[in-house]
Structures are given as structure tokens and as C-alpha cells.
Protein backbone atom coordinates (compact mmCIF):
# COMPACT_ATOMS: atom_id res chain seq x y z
CA MET A 1 -0.01 -0.01 0.01
CA SER A 2 1.34 3.36 -0.92
CA GLU A 3 2.11 5.90 1.76
CA PRO A 4 -0.44 8.57 2.36
CA PRO A 5 0.36 11.90 0.73
CA PRO A 6 1.10 13.75 4.02
CA LEU A 7 3.71 11.18 5.07
CA ARG A 8 5.26 11.08 1.63
CA GLY A 9 5.58 14.81 1.66
CA TRP A 10 7.15 14.81 5.17
CA LEU A 11 9.72 12.20 4.09
CA GLY A 12 10.49 14.20 0.99
CA ALA A 13 11.08 17.31 3.09
CA ARG A 14 13.42 15.35 5.37
CA ALA A 15 15.36 14.05 2.37
CA ALA A 16 15.67 17.56 1.04
CA VAL A 17 16.96 18.87 4.37
CA ALA A 18 19.46 16.00 4.55
CA LEU A 19 20.66 16.71 1.06
CA VAL A 20 21.14 20.42 1.79
CA ALA A 21 22.97 19.61 5.03
CA GLY A 22 25.27 17.26 3.15
CA LEU A 23 26.03 19.86 0.53
CA MET A 24 26.78 22.43 3.23
CA LEU A 25 29.19 20.04 4.92
CA ALA A 26 30.92 19.19 1.75
CA THR A 27 31.29 22.92 0.95
CA SER A 28 32.63 23.57 4.42
CA LEU A 29 35.19 20.84 4.12
CA GLY A 30 36.11 22.04 0.67
CA CYS A 31 36.59 25.59 1.90
CA SER A 32 39.02 24.47 4.61
CA GLU A 33 41.13 22.75 2.03
CA ARG A 34 40.70 25.32 -0.76
CA ARG A 35 43.55 27.69 0.19
CA PRO A 36 46.50 25.27 0.30
CA GLN A 37 45.17 23.30 -2.65
CA ARG A 38 44.66 26.36 -4.81
CA LEU A 39 48.14 27.69 -3.87
CA ALA A 40 49.66 24.26 -4.66
CA LYS A 41 47.93 24.19 -8.05
CA ALA A 42 49.48 27.54 -8.82
CA GLY A 43 52.85 26.16 -7.80
CA LEU A 44 52.95 28.28 -4.61
CA GLU A 45 53.36 27.48 -0.95
CA SER A 46 52.07 29.66 1.88
CA GLY A 47 54.85 31.41 3.77
CA GLN A 48 57.33 31.05 0.91
CA LEU A 49 56.27 34.00 -1.27
CA ALA A 50 58.46 36.91 -0.01
CA GLY A 51 60.80 38.00 -2.78
CA LYS A 52 59.39 35.42 -5.19
CA ASN A 53 59.39 36.10 -8.95
CA LEU A 54 55.73 35.85 -10.07
CA SER A 55 56.05 38.15 -13.07
CA GLY A 56 53.20 37.51 -15.46
CA ALA A 57 51.66 34.83 -13.23
CA TYR A 58 48.04 33.90 -13.80
CA LEU A 59 46.52 34.00 -10.31
CA PRO A 60 42.97 35.35 -10.58
CA GLY A 61 40.86 34.90 -7.40
CA LEU A 62 43.70 33.34 -5.46
CA PRO A 63 43.34 33.43 -1.63
CA LEU A 64 46.45 35.29 -0.43
CA ALA A 65 45.09 37.07 2.62
CA ASN A 66 47.76 37.84 5.18
CA GLU A 67 50.51 36.36 3.02
CA ASP A 68 54.03 37.80 3.14
CA LEU A 69 54.79 39.01 -0.39
CA THR A 70 57.48 41.50 0.63
CA LYS A 71 59.61 42.52 -2.36
CA ALA A 72 57.84 40.02 -4.58
CA ASN A 73 57.94 40.56 -8.32
CA LEU A 74 54.30 40.59 -9.52
CA THR A 75 54.75 42.71 -12.65
CA GLN A 76 52.03 42.05 -15.23
CA ALA A 77 50.52 39.35 -12.87
CA ASP A 78 46.78 38.59 -13.17
CA LEU A 79 45.38 38.97 -9.66
CA ARG A 80 41.88 39.96 -10.54
CA ARG A 81 39.48 39.24 -7.66
CA ALA A 82 42.36 37.87 -5.57
CA ASP A 83 42.08 38.17 -1.79
CA LEU A 84 45.17 40.05 -0.55
CA SER A 85 43.51 41.46 2.57
CA GLY A 86 46.17 42.23 5.16
CA ALA A 87 48.90 40.94 2.88
CA ARG A 88 52.46 42.24 3.32
CA LEU A 89 53.45 43.72 -0.06
CA ARG A 90 56.03 46.20 1.16
CA GLU A 91 58.38 47.19 -1.76
CA ALA A 92 56.64 44.63 -4.01
CA ASN A 93 56.72 45.37 -7.74
CA LEU A 94 53.11 45.27 -9.11
CA ALA A 95 53.73 47.42 -12.17
CA GLY A 96 51.22 46.63 -14.83
CA ALA A 97 49.50 44.04 -12.69
CA HIS A 98 45.77 43.35 -13.10
CA LEU A 99 44.08 43.79 -9.73
CA ASP A 100 40.54 44.76 -10.71
CA ASP A 101 38.06 43.81 -7.97
CA ALA A 102 40.89 42.57 -5.77
CA LYS A 103 40.62 42.69 -2.02
CA LEU A 104 43.56 44.66 -0.49
CA ALA A 105 41.95 46.08 2.65
CA GLY A 106 44.51 46.59 5.37
CA ALA A 107 47.37 45.48 3.07
CA ASP A 108 50.89 46.82 3.63
CA LEU A 109 51.97 48.36 0.36
CA GLN A 110 54.56 50.78 1.65
CA ARG A 111 56.93 51.84 -1.17
CA ALA A 112 55.32 49.33 -3.46
CA ILE A 113 55.46 49.95 -7.21
CA LEU A 114 52.02 49.94 -8.81
CA ASP A 115 52.77 52.04 -11.95
CA GLY A 116 50.31 51.30 -14.72
CA ALA A 117 48.46 48.72 -12.62
CA TRP A 118 44.75 48.10 -12.93
CA LEU A 119 42.82 48.41 -9.69
CA SER A 120 39.32 49.33 -10.76
CA ARG A 121 36.84 48.64 -7.98
CA ALA A 122 39.61 47.21 -5.81
CA ASP A 123 39.13 47.35 -2.03
CA LEU A 124 42.09 49.20 -0.52
CA GLN A 125 40.29 50.44 2.54
CA GLY A 126 42.77 51.15 5.35
CA ALA A 127 45.72 49.96 3.19
CA ASN A 128 49.15 51.43 3.85
CA LEU A 129 50.41 52.96 0.61
CA THR A 130 52.91 55.30 2.19
CA GLY A 131 55.60 56.18 -0.37
CA ALA A 132 53.99 53.93 -3.01
CA SER A 133 54.29 54.73 -6.67
CA LEU A 134 50.98 54.68 -8.49
CA PHE A 135 51.94 56.53 -11.67
CA ALA A 136 49.24 56.20 -14.36
CA THR A 137 47.48 53.57 -12.24
CA THR A 138 43.81 52.90 -12.90
CA LEU A 139 41.90 53.30 -9.59
CA ARG A 140 38.46 53.96 -11.01
CA GLY A 141 35.80 53.07 -8.43
CA ALA A 142 38.49 51.87 -5.97
CA ASN A 143 37.82 52.02 -2.25
CA LEU A 144 40.75 53.96 -0.60
CA ALA A 145 38.81 55.13 2.44
CA GLY A 146 41.13 55.61 5.37
CA ALA A 147 44.16 54.55 3.32
CA ALA A 148 47.64 55.93 4.10
CA LEU A 149 48.84 57.67 0.95
CA ALA A 150 51.39 60.02 2.46
CA HIS A 151 54.30 60.69 0.05
CA ALA A 152 52.58 58.51 -2.59
CA ASN A 153 52.96 59.33 -6.29
CA LEU A 154 49.56 59.36 -8.02
CA GLN A 155 50.51 61.40 -11.07
CA ASP A 156 48.27 60.63 -14.04
CA ALA A 157 46.26 58.06 -11.99
CA ASP A 158 42.64 57.54 -12.88
CA LEU A 159 40.75 58.27 -9.68
CA ARG A 160 37.28 58.69 -11.14
CA ASP A 161 34.65 57.53 -8.68
CA ALA A 162 37.37 56.51 -6.21
CA ASP A 163 36.61 56.77 -2.50
CA LEU A 164 39.42 58.68 -0.68
CA ARG A 165 37.34 59.72 2.33
CA GLY A 166 39.48 59.90 5.46
CA ALA A 167 42.66 59.05 3.57
CA ASP A 168 46.08 60.56 4.57
CA LEU A 169 47.25 62.56 1.63
CA ALA A 170 50.12 64.44 3.27
CA GLU A 171 52.79 65.19 0.67
CA ALA A 172 51.03 63.05 -1.87
CA ASP A 173 51.30 63.92 -5.55
CA LEU A 174 47.78 64.02 -6.97
CA LEU A 175 48.50 65.73 -10.33
CA SER A 176 46.19 63.24 -11.90
CA HIS A 177 43.05 63.19 -13.99
CA PRO A 178 40.34 65.62 -12.74
CA LEU A 179 39.41 64.70 -9.22
CA GLN A 180 35.92 66.17 -9.24
CA GLU A 181 34.40 62.66 -9.40
CA ALA A 182 36.47 61.30 -6.53
CA GLN A 183 35.21 61.45 -2.91
CA VAL A 184 37.71 63.23 -0.67
CA LYS A 185 35.56 64.27 2.26
CA GLY A 186 37.56 64.06 5.50
CA ALA A 187 40.82 63.30 3.72
CA LEU A 188 43.78 65.01 5.31
CA TYR A 189 46.37 66.91 3.24
CA ASP A 190 49.17 69.37 4.04
CA GLN A 191 50.86 72.28 2.25
CA HIS A 192 53.03 69.85 0.29
CA THR A 193 50.16 67.85 -1.22
CA ARG A 194 49.97 68.46 -4.98
CA TRP A 195 46.54 68.82 -6.53
CA PRO A 196 45.41 69.19 -10.23
CA PRO A 197 45.48 72.80 -11.42
CA GLY A 198 42.35 74.67 -10.31
CA TYR A 199 41.20 71.95 -7.92
CA ASP A 200 40.10 73.22 -4.51
CA PRO A 201 40.24 70.29 -2.04
CA GLN A 202 38.35 72.06 0.67
CA GLN A 203 35.48 72.62 -1.65
CA PHE A 204 35.09 68.89 -1.82
CA GLY A 205 35.51 68.32 1.93
CA ALA A 206 39.18 67.58 2.30
CA GLN A 207 40.81 69.01 5.43
CA LEU A 208 44.11 70.82 5.72
CA ALA A 209 46.09 69.15 8.54
CA PRO A 210 47.69 71.45 11.09
CA PRO A 211 51.43 71.95 10.56
CA SER A 212 53.66 69.54 12.43
CA PRO A 213 55.44 71.03 15.37
CA PRO A 214 59.13 71.79 14.70
CA ARG A 215 61.59 69.14 15.71
CA GLY A 216 64.15 69.96 18.20
């Protein structure tokens, strides 16, 4: 005798729940193994990337959060959508690299070279770009809120729709494309910050930092 419809429906629902639970467990287990496996497939090993020559490497979407890539050569590398949150990229060479939609929040990019790199819509919130070179870099729609850009070179950079709110722009060179489309409210600059001709940073909400006290 066939099961009555209510019981059959209840069993079907239980089977569906079990199937979903199994899929979630498999996904969870896969996620825990994904990082080392994906690095291994790319011929990389976590903790062994500082100073490594990865010029032209194809690494889109790679999980590299908190990795040490100090002084690594990443010129022309494809790192679109890669997770480099909190990564140490101090003095790394990323010239011409493709980093569109990459996650670089909190990354250490002090004195890094990003000339001609592509960082459209990249998340650089709170990143340290002190002394970095971003000559002719595409930063359209990038999130640079709260980033440290003191002494950074942004000449000819494309900052359209970029978010620079609260960023440190002391002594930064911003002789770039027109900045009217960038958000600079709350950004701090000093008398040495260079702006495009005719651009009034205070009109757009940037704040002139008080002069530093004399050393002595």
C-alpha cells in the first residue's frame, strides 16, 4: 500500500533537508582545503612568497590574505578578484598588474610599485600605501577610504569615482586626471600635497592638517 500523501511529503522534506545539510558540509570541508590546494595548483606555498618572482603569473581569485609578499615581483601578474587582505606587499613590484576587484583592505603596500596597474573597484580600505608609486594607475571606483597615501605618487592616476574619504594625503602627488568625481571628504592633506590645477580640495570636503610642530 502506498504511503499517504502527508507522510510522503514529510519524508520528501526530510530528504531535502538532509541533502542540503550534506552539501553544506561538503562545501565547508572544501573551503578548509581550498587555500593550500589552490596555492599548490598555482605552484605556490604559503609562507614562501616573499621576494618570489611571479612576473606575469596567472593567479585570478587566489586566496592570499595575510601572506608575506614583501619585495615579490608581480609585474604584469593577473590577480583579478584575488584576496590580498592584510597581505604584506612592502616594496613589492606590481607594475602593470591586473588587480581589478581585488581585496587589499589593510594590506601593507609601503613603497610598493604599482605604476600602470589596474585596480578598478579594488578594495584598498585602510591599506598602507605610504611612499608607494601609482603613476598612471587605474583606480576607477576603488575604495581607498582611510588609506595611508602620504608621500605617494599618483601622477596621471585615474581616480574617477574613487573613495578617498578619510585618507592621509600628506605630501602626496595628485597631479592626476580631474578629481571632481572622486570622494575626498575628510581626507587630510598638508601644504606639500599636490593637486590638479584649479582643484580646491576644501570645496570637496578635504581638510588641511595642522602643521607639524618643529623638531628639536
